[in-house]
Amino acid sequence: MIVAFSGLLIPAVASGNYQSPVLSGAHGVTMFIVGPDKKGGGSSSAPTTYPGYIPIQIWDGYQYTSNGAYNTNYGSGETIAVIDAYGSPSISSDVKTFDSAFGLPAINLQIVQPFGKVSRNSGWALETSLEVEWAHAMAPAAKIVLIETPSASNTYLINDAVNYAYNTTHANIISMSWGEAQSDLTSAELA
């Protein structure tokens, strides 16, 4: 399956039903999808074109590339903390597939659950893949620490996990991606 957010392509691996993409033009990727068809039976391997950008195109857009290639040392010495509720049980294999599909070097990924064992949530698992894969795509030499929290409460996401990222992982960059109205946050959380 392919998951598209904000025009970006994120390969999400489900039960090994994934084949590498075939690039087609400057503004999209043709993906060969192997898995259940739309009716839930059989399988389909017909190529599908998705509008969006792949990592090297984003690098080109931000003028990170030299001669159209990744600088695999970009992000060296940096630590990126990615904070997500519940995490993803398949993030390690998902990011390996993402790296392989787009020619990225292996990720330096540490996964921590400092506030106790997490249960799983498929929506947050997709968000976790999105954040980890694209943080790695933009800074392939950076160390990425995925901080998984046992719930999506503000206490865990804003207070505890941010403090852990800052004080324990000594992250230079902290990434979180979720939505909530500012009016729902306390004064302390906003500060």
C-alpha atoms as a PDB file:
ATOM      1  CA  MET A   1       0.000   0.000   0.000  1.00  0.00           C
ATOM      2  CA  ILE A   2       1.090   3.616  -0.440  1.00  0.00           C
ATOM      3  CA  VAL A   3       0.195   6.360   1.982  1.00  0.00           C
ATOM      4  CA  ALA A   4       0.154   9.922   0.630  1.00  0.00           C
ATOM      5  CA  PHE A   5       0.226  12.967   2.904  1.00  0.00           C
ATOM      6  CA  SER A   6       0.638  16.552   1.772  1.00  0.00           C
ATOM      7  CA  GLY A   7       1.731  15.453  -1.683  1.00  0.00           C
ATOM      8  CA  LEU A   8       4.520  13.234  -0.348  1.00  0.00           C
ATOM      9  CA  LEU A   9       4.771   9.509  -0.980  1.00  0.00           C
ATOM     10  CA  ILE A  10       5.287   7.261   1.997  1.00  0.00           C
ATOM     11  CA  PRO A  11       5.555   3.521   1.363  1.00  0.00           C
ATOM     12  CA  ALA A  12       3.777   1.752   4.196  1.00  0.00           C
ATOM     13  CA  VAL A  13       4.500  -1.948   4.191  1.00  0.00           C
ATOM     14  CA  ALA A  14       1.605  -4.233   5.029  1.00  0.00           C
ATOM     15  CA  SER A  15       2.260  -7.950   5.277  1.00  0.00           C
ATOM     16  CA  GLY A  16       5.101  -7.746   2.762  1.00  0.00           C
ATOM     17  CA  ASN A  17       2.731  -6.653  -0.021  1.00  0.00           C
ATOM     18  CA  TYR A  18       5.061  -4.081  -1.529  1.00  0.00           C
ATOM     19  CA  GLN A  19       7.234  -3.782  -4.575  1.00  0.00           C
ATOM     20  CA  SER A  20       9.779  -1.078  -5.319  1.00  0.00           C
ATOM     21  CA  PRO A  21       8.540   1.974  -7.201  1.00  0.00           C
ATOM     22  CA  VAL A  22       9.276   2.699 -10.824  1.00  0.00           C
ATOM     23  CA  LEU A  23       9.900   6.403 -11.356  1.00  0.00           C
ATOM     24  CA  SER A  24       7.862   8.061 -14.057  1.00  0.00           C
ATOM     25  CA  GLY A  25       8.507  11.700 -14.775  1.00  0.00           C
ATOM     26  CA  ALA A  26       9.360  14.596 -12.539  1.00  0.00           C
ATOM     27  CA  HIS A  27       6.030  14.928 -10.769  1.00  0.00           C
ATOM     28  CA  GLY A  28       4.960  11.484  -9.739  1.00  0.00           C
ATOM     29  CA  VAL A  29       5.850   7.919  -9.085  1.00  0.00           C
ATOM     30  CA  THR A  30       4.324   4.819 -10.600  1.00  0.00           C
ATOM     31  CA  MET A  31       3.911   2.196  -7.921  1.00  0.00           C
ATOM     32  CA  PHE A  32       3.266  -1.472  -8.446  1.00  0.00           C
ATOM     33  CA  ILE A  33       0.903  -2.469  -5.664  1.00  0.00           C
ATOM     34  CA  VAL A  34       0.581  -6.105  -4.713  1.00  0.00           C
ATOM     35  CA  GLY A  35      -2.232  -6.823  -2.300  1.00  0.00           C
ATOM     36  CA  PRO A  36      -5.987  -7.184  -1.972  1.00  0.00           C
ATOM     37  CA  ASP A  37      -8.024  -5.563  -4.709  1.00  0.00           C
ATOM     38  CA  LYS A  38     -10.641  -2.909  -3.887  1.00  0.00           C
ATOM     39  CA  LYS A  39     -13.289  -5.546  -3.217  1.00  0.00           C
ATOM     40  CA  GLY A  40     -11.089  -7.311  -0.684  1.00  0.00           C
ATOM     41  CA  GLY A  41     -10.440 -10.447  -2.690  1.00  0.00           C
ATOM     42  CA  GLY A  42      -7.668 -11.528  -4.994  1.00  0.00           C
ATOM     43  CA  SER A  43      -4.771  -9.253  -5.678  1.00  0.00           C
ATOM     44  CA  SER A  44      -3.825  -6.549  -8.077  1.00  0.00           C
ATOM     45  CA  SER A  45      -0.396  -5.735  -9.446  1.00  0.00           C
ATOM     46  CA  ALA A  46      -1.479  -3.013 -11.878  1.00  0.00           C
ATOM     47  CA  PRO A  47       0.766   0.052 -11.753  1.00  0.00           C
ATOM     48  CA  THR A  48      -0.794   3.129 -10.197  1.00  0.00           C
ATOM     49  CA  THR A  49       0.533   6.672 -10.556  1.00  0.00           C
ATOM     50  CA  TYR A  50       0.423   8.937  -7.510  1.00  0.00           C
ATOM     51  CA  PRO A  51       1.103  12.663  -7.707  1.00  0.00           C
ATOM     52  CA  GLY A  52       3.715  13.698  -5.208  1.00  0.00           C
ATOM     53  CA  TYR A  53       7.405  14.004  -4.631  1.00  0.00           C
ATOM     54  CA  ILE A  54      10.092  11.526  -3.685  1.00  0.00           C
ATOM     55  CA  PRO A  55      13.014  12.406  -1.386  1.00  0.00           C
ATOM     56  CA  ILE A  56      15.496  13.369  -4.111  1.00  0.00           C
ATOM     57  CA  GLN A  57      12.937  15.803  -5.563  1.00  0.00           C
ATOM     58  CA  ILE A  58      12.491  17.465  -2.171  1.00  0.00           C
ATOM     59  CA  TRP A  59      16.278  17.664  -1.847  1.00  0.00           C
ATOM     60  CA  ASP A  60      16.454  19.318  -5.273  1.00  0.00           C
ATOM     61  CA  GLY A  61      13.696  21.752  -4.294  1.00  0.00           C
ATOM     62  CA  TYR A  62      15.650  22.834  -1.218  1.00  0.00           C
ATOM     63  CA  GLN A  63      18.927  22.794  -3.188  1.00  0.00           C
ATOM     64  CA  TYR A  64      20.471  20.113  -0.933  1.00  0.00           C
ATOM     65  CA  THR A  65      21.800  18.036  -3.804  1.00  0.00           C
ATOM     66  CA  SER A  66      25.055  18.212  -5.648  1.00  0.00           C
ATOM     67  CA  ASN A  67      24.870  16.850  -9.189  1.00  0.00           C
ATOM     68  CA  GLY A  68      21.442  15.363  -8.414  1.00  0.00           C
ATOM     69  CA  ALA A  69      22.701  13.054  -5.631  1.00  0.00           C
ATOM     70  CA  TYR A  70      22.103  12.824  -1.880  1.00  0.00           C
ATOM     71  CA  ASN A  71      24.735  14.162   0.468  1.00  0.00           C
ATOM     72  CA  THR A  72      24.696  11.154   2.776  1.00  0.00           C
ATOM     73  CA  ASN A  73      26.612  13.134   5.436  1.00  0.00           C
ATOM     74  CA  TYR A  74      23.826  15.689   5.777  1.00  0.00           C
ATOM     75  CA  GLY A  75      22.602  15.720   9.388  1.00  0.00           C
ATOM     76  CA  SER A  76      25.850  14.268  10.747  1.00  0.00           C
ATOM     77  CA  GLY A  77      26.204  15.036  14.458  1.00  0.00           C
ATOM     78  CA  GLU A  78      22.505  15.883  14.838  1.00  0.00           C
ATOM     79  CA  THR A  79      19.922  14.035  16.906  1.00  0.00           C
ATOM     80  CA  ILE A  80      16.284  14.243  15.849  1.00  0.00           C
ATOM     81  CA  ALA A  81      13.672  13.194  18.409  1.00  0.00           C
ATOM     82  CA  VAL A  82      10.390  12.106  16.829  1.00  0.00           C
ATOM     83  CA  ILE A  83       7.529  11.986  19.326  1.00  0.00           C
ATOM     84  CA  ASP A  84       4.461   9.893  18.522  1.00  0.00           C
ATOM     85  CA  ALA A  85       1.737   8.248  20.543  1.00  0.00           C
ATOM     86  CA  TYR A  86       1.660   4.457  20.274  1.00  0.00           C
ATOM     87  CA  GLY A  87       4.486   4.260  17.699  1.00  0.00           C
ATOM     88  CA  SER A  88       4.472   1.605  15.015  1.00  0.00           C
ATOM     89  CA  PRO A  89       5.196  -2.107  15.373  1.00  0.00           C
ATOM     90  CA  SER A  90       6.681  -2.236  11.865  1.00  0.00           C
ATOM     91  CA  ILE A  91       8.667   1.023  11.771  1.00  0.00           C
ATOM     92  CA  SER A  92      12.057  -0.692  11.489  1.00  0.00           C
ATOM     93  CA  SER A  93      11.059  -2.731   8.443  1.00  0.00           C
ATOM     94  CA  ASP A  94       9.003   0.138   6.974  1.00  0.00           C
ATOM     95  CA  VAL A  95      11.936   2.546   7.043  1.00  0.00           C
ATOM     96  CA  LYS A  96      14.266  -0.090   5.556  1.00  0.00           C
ATOM     97  CA  THR A  97      11.842  -0.505   2.652  1.00  0.00           C
ATOM     98  CA  PHE A  98      11.557   3.274   2.267  1.00  0.00           C
ATOM     99  CA  ASP A  99      15.360   3.644   2.257  1.00  0.00           C
ATOM    100  CA  SER A 100      15.778   0.849  -0.258  1.00  0.00           C
ATOM    101  CA  ALA A 101      13.067   2.204  -2.544  1.00  0.00           C
ATOM    102  CA  PHE A 102      14.573   5.674  -2.664  1.00  0.00           C
ATOM    103  CA  GLY A 103      18.303   4.930  -2.465  1.00  0.00           C
ATOM    104  CA  LEU A 104      18.844   6.268   1.053  1.00  0.00           C
ATOM    105  CA  PRO A 105      21.532   4.933   3.407  1.00  0.00           C
ATOM    106  CA  ALA A 106      20.553   2.821   6.420  1.00  0.00           C
ATOM    107  CA  ILE A 107      18.939   4.744   9.259  1.00  0.00           C
ATOM    108  CA  ASN A 108      20.466   5.219  12.722  1.00  0.00           C
ATOM    109  CA  LEU A 109      17.206   4.649  14.626  1.00  0.00           C
ATOM    110  CA  GLN A 110      16.678   4.180  18.337  1.00  0.00           C
ATOM    111  CA  ILE A 111      13.151   3.386  19.558  1.00  0.00           C
ATOM    112  CA  VAL A 112      12.295   4.139  23.186  1.00  0.00           C
ATOM    113  CA  GLN A 113       9.187   3.789  25.346  1.00  0.00           C
ATOM    114  CA  PRO A 114      10.259   5.753  28.437  1.00  0.00           C
ATOM    115  CA  PHE A 115       6.759   5.948  29.941  1.00  0.00           C
ATOM    116  CA  GLY A 116       5.825   2.285  29.700  1.00  0.00           C
ATOM    117  CA  LYS A 117       4.788  -0.257  27.095  1.00  0.00           C
ATOM    118  CA  VAL A 118       2.596   1.133  24.331  1.00  0.00           C
ATOM    119  CA  SER A 119      -0.500  -0.365  22.752  1.00  0.00           C
ATOM    120  CA  ARG A 120      -0.928  -0.023  18.993  1.00  0.00           C
ATOM    121  CA  ASN A 121      -3.059   2.344  16.943  1.00  0.00           C
ATOM    122  CA  SER A 122      -3.019   2.075  13.139  1.00  0.00           C
ATOM    123  CA  GLY A 123      -3.599   5.800  12.553  1.00  0.00           C
ATOM    124  CA  TRP A 124      -0.666   6.756  14.726  1.00  0.00           C
ATOM    125  CA  ALA A 125       1.433   3.994  13.136  1.00  0.00           C
ATOM    126  CA  LEU A 126       1.027   5.711   9.745  1.00  0.00           C
ATOM    127  CA  GLU A 127       1.965   9.066  11.278  1.00  0.00           C
ATOM    128  CA  THR A 128       5.006   7.472  12.907  1.00  0.00           C
ATOM    129  CA  SER A 129       6.169   6.070   9.554  1.00  0.00           C
ATOM    130  CA  LEU A 130       5.625   9.430   7.880  1.00  0.00           C
ATOM    131  CA  GLU A 131       7.692  11.315  10.435  1.00  0.00           C
ATOM    132  CA  VAL A 132      10.560   8.861  10.842  1.00  0.00           C
ATOM    133  CA  GLU A 133      10.969   8.172   7.110  1.00  0.00           C
ATOM    134  CA  TRP A 134      10.937  11.833   6.105  1.00  0.00           C
ATOM    135  CA  ALA A 135      13.171  12.990   8.959  1.00  0.00           C
ATOM    136  CA  HIS A 136      15.648  10.381   7.750  1.00  0.00           C
ATOM    137  CA  ALA A 137      15.155  11.372   4.109  1.00  0.00           C
ATOM    138  CA  MET A 138      16.035  14.996   4.899  1.00  0.00           C
ATOM    139  CA  ALA A 139      18.957  14.242   7.242  1.00  0.00           C
ATOM    140  CA  PRO A 140      20.257  10.772   6.358  1.00  0.00           C
ATOM    141  CA  ALA A 141      23.268  10.909   8.695  1.00  0.00           C
ATOM    142  CA  ALA A 142      21.340  12.117  11.754  1.00  0.00           C
ATOM    143  CA  LYS A 143      20.554   9.870  14.684  1.00  0.00           C
ATOM    144  CA  ILE A 144      16.781   9.539  15.036  1.00  0.00           C
ATOM    145  CA  VAL A 145      15.238   8.695  18.397  1.00  0.00           C
ATOM    146  CA  LEU A 146      11.595   7.642  18.164  1.00  0.00           C
ATOM    147  CA  ILE A 147       9.883   8.354  21.472  1.00  0.00           C
ATOM    148  CA  GLU A 148       6.682   6.316  21.725  1.00  0.00           C
ATOM    149  CA  THR A 149       4.114   7.329  24.354  1.00  0.00           C
ATOM    150  CA  PRO A 150       1.377   5.046  25.763  1.00  0.00           C
ATOM    151  CA  SER A 151      -1.402   7.542  24.946  1.00  0.00           C
ATOM    152  CA  ALA A 152      -2.072  10.684  22.933  1.00  0.00           C
ATOM    153  CA  SER A 153      -2.612  12.794  26.034  1.00  0.00           C
ATOM    154  CA  ASN A 154      -1.075  16.259  26.145  1.00  0.00           C
ATOM    155  CA  THR A 155       0.709  15.264  29.331  1.00  0.00           C
ATOM    156  CA  TYR A 156       2.628  12.559  27.500  1.00  0.00           C
ATOM    157  CA  LEU A 157       3.090  14.293  24.134  1.00  0.00           C
ATOM    158  CA  ILE A 158       3.837  17.844  25.216  1.00  0.00           C
ATOM    159  CA  ASN A 159       5.139  17.653  28.751  1.00  0.00           C
ATOM    160  CA  ASP A 160       6.780  14.288  29.344  1.00  0.00           C
ATOM    161  CA  ALA A 161       8.053  13.391  25.873  1.00  0.00           C
ATOM    162  CA  VAL A 162       9.411  16.857  25.058  1.00  0.00           C
ATOM    163  CA  ASN A 163      11.233  16.973  28.393  1.00  0.00           C
ATOM    164  CA  TYR A 164      12.594  13.464  27.764  1.00  0.00           C
ATOM    165  CA  ALA A 165      13.725  14.435  24.266  1.00  0.00           C
ATOM    166  CA  TYR A 166      15.472  17.538  25.508  1.00  0.00           C
ATOM    167  CA  ASN A 167      16.965  16.243  28.762  1.00  0.00           C
ATOM    168  CA  THR A 168      17.670  12.575  27.993  1.00  0.00           C
ATOM    169  CA  THR A 169      18.276  12.253  24.252  1.00  0.00           C
ATOM    170  CA  HIS A 170      19.783  15.770  23.966  1.00  0.00           C
ATOM    171  CA  ALA A 171      18.021  16.109  20.621  1.00  0.00           C
ATOM    172  CA  ASN A 172      18.912  19.131  18.502  1.00  0.00           C
ATOM    173  CA  ILE A 173      15.529  18.849  16.755  1.00  0.00           C
ATOM    174  CA  ILE A 174      12.184  17.670  18.129  1.00  0.00           C
ATOM    175  CA  SER A 175       9.460  16.647  15.666  1.00  0.00           C
ATOM    176  CA  MET A 176       5.808  16.058  16.454  1.00  0.00           C
ATOM    177  CA  SER A 177       2.932  15.976  14.005  1.00  0.00           C
ATOM    178  CA  TRP A 178      -0.614  15.954  15.298  1.00  0.00           C
ATOM    179  CA  GLY A 179      -3.471  18.397  15.499  1.00  0.00           C
ATOM    180  CA  GLU A 180      -5.264  20.069  18.359  1.00  0.00           C
ATOM    181  CA  ALA A 181      -6.925  23.439  18.846  1.00  0.00           C
ATOM    182  CA  GLN A 182      -4.793  25.925  20.762  1.00  0.00           C
ATOM    183  CA  SER A 183      -7.814  26.691  22.906  1.00  0.00           C
ATOM    184  CA  ASP A 184      -7.661  23.107  24.235  1.00  0.00           C
ATOM    185  CA  LEU A 185      -4.164  23.626  25.650  1.00  0.00           C
ATOM    186  CA  THR A 186      -3.401  24.908  29.131  1.00  0.00           C
ATOM    187  CA  SER A 187      -1.243  27.980  29.707  1.00  0.00           C
ATOM    188  CA  ALA A 188       1.607  25.739  30.864  1.00  0.00           C
ATOM    189  CA  GLU A 189       1.350  23.563  27.723  1.00  0.00           C
ATOM    190  CA  LEU A 190       1.377  26.644  25.491  1.00  0.00           C
ATOM    191  CA  ALA A 191       4.439  28.002  27.324  1.00  0.00           C
END
